[in-house]
Amino acid sequence: MNPTATTVEVNGYALRELRVRSGIGVADLADQVGVKRPYIAKIELGHSRRVSPKVYNALLAALAITDRRVLMANPHAAAEQISEAS
C-alpha cells in the first residue's frame, strides 16, 4: 500500500515554528486538533512524519493556514497528495 495515498508527510520543524509564532502551546494545539500532547511533540521532533488527512486539516485550521502546502515535508508533492488532504 502506498503510504502517500492515506497520509500526508509533515514538516515538523515548520509546524513547531508556526505554532510558536502563533503563540499556541503544544497542549493547546493538541486539544484543538483532537490528539494527545505527546503526538504533537513527536510530529514536531520528526519522530512521527506522517499524519492522516483529518489530522493534517485540523493542524491547518488550528494554525489558520490557508495554503495546504505550508506544513508538507515536500511542498512540491503531487497534486493528488494535496487534494487528498482536502
Protein backbone atom coordinates (compact mmCIF):
# COMPACT_ATOMS: atom_id res chain seq x y z
CA MET A 1 0.00 0.00 0.00
CA ASN A 2 1.31 3.44 -0.92
CA PRO A 3 1.60 5.49 2.31
CA THR A 4 1.06 8.79 0.50
CA ALA A 5 -2.41 7.63 -0.56
CA THR A 6 -3.69 7.72 3.01
CA THR A 7 -1.28 10.02 4.86
CA VAL A 8 0.45 13.37 4.49
CA GLU A 9 4.13 13.83 5.31
CA VAL A 10 4.53 16.81 7.67
CA ASN A 11 7.50 19.13 8.17
CA GLY A 12 7.77 19.03 11.97
CA TYR A 13 10.15 21.99 12.15
CA ALA A 14 7.72 24.17 10.20
CA LEU A 15 4.86 23.02 12.43
CA ARG A 16 6.79 24.00 15.55
CA GLU A 17 7.81 27.39 14.14
CA LEU A 18 4.26 28.25 13.11
CA ARG A 19 2.86 27.07 16.43
CA VAL A 20 5.35 29.14 18.43
CA ARG A 21 4.83 32.22 16.24
CA SER A 22 1.09 31.84 16.73
CA GLY A 23 1.56 31.76 20.50
CA ILE A 24 -0.11 28.38 20.84
CA GLY A 25 1.22 25.84 23.31
CA VAL A 26 1.69 22.18 22.45
CA ALA A 27 -1.16 21.13 24.75
CA ASP A 28 -3.50 23.77 23.30
CA LEU A 29 -2.70 22.72 19.73
CA ALA A 30 -3.25 19.08 20.65
CA ASP A 31 -6.66 19.95 22.14
CA GLN A 32 -7.67 21.89 19.02
CA VAL A 33 -6.54 19.07 16.73
CA GLY A 34 -8.12 16.35 18.86
CA VAL A 35 -4.94 14.42 19.66
CA LYS A 36 -2.75 13.99 22.73
CA ARG A 37 0.12 16.38 23.51
CA PRO A 38 2.89 13.77 23.03
CA TYR A 39 1.66 13.17 19.47
CA ILE A 40 2.17 16.84 18.54
CA ALA A 41 5.62 16.73 20.17
CA LYS A 42 6.53 13.63 18.13
CA ILE A 43 5.46 15.35 14.91
CA GLU A 44 7.46 18.47 15.73
CA LEU A 45 10.56 16.42 16.58
CA GLY A 46 10.25 14.37 13.39
CA HIS A 47 9.51 11.09 15.16
CA SER A 48 6.07 10.93 13.53
CA ARG A 49 6.41 12.20 9.99
CA ARG A 50 3.08 11.16 8.53
CA VAL A 51 -0.39 12.10 9.71
CA SER A 52 -3.86 11.34 8.48
CA PRO A 53 -5.58 13.88 6.24
CA LYS A 54 -8.00 14.54 9.14
CA VAL A 55 -5.14 15.49 11.50
CA TYR A 56 -3.41 17.49 8.75
CA ASN A 57 -6.55 19.51 8.08
CA ALA A 58 -7.05 20.08 11.81
CA LEU A 59 -3.45 21.36 12.12
CA LEU A 60 -4.03 23.77 9.24
CA ALA A 61 -7.28 25.01 10.78
CA ALA A 62 -5.83 25.41 14.28
CA LEU A 63 -2.94 27.48 12.92
CA ALA A 64 -5.17 29.42 10.48
CA ILE A 65 -3.11 28.27 7.48
CA THR A 66 -4.79 28.61 4.11
CA ASP A 67 -2.01 27.26 1.85
CA ARG A 68 -2.20 23.49 2.30
CA ARG A 69 1.44 23.06 1.23
CA VAL A 70 2.89 25.05 4.16
CA LEU A 71 3.25 22.11 6.53
CA MET A 72 4.14 19.48 3.95
CA ALA A 73 7.58 17.92 4.14
CA ASN A 74 7.62 18.05 0.36
CA PRO A 75 5.69 21.18 -0.66
CA HIS A 76 6.17 20.24 -4.30
CA ALA A 77 4.27 17.00 -3.77
CA ALA A 78 1.99 15.61 -6.39
CA ALA A 79 -1.33 17.40 -6.76
CA GLU A 80 -3.14 14.24 -5.69
CA GLN A 81 -1.50 14.34 -2.24
CA ILE A 82 -2.70 17.90 -1.72
CA SER A 83 -6.20 17.10 -2.92
CA GLU A 84 -6.42 14.03 -0.68
CA ALA A 85 -5.62 16.22 2.32
CA SER A 86 -8.59 18.43 1.42
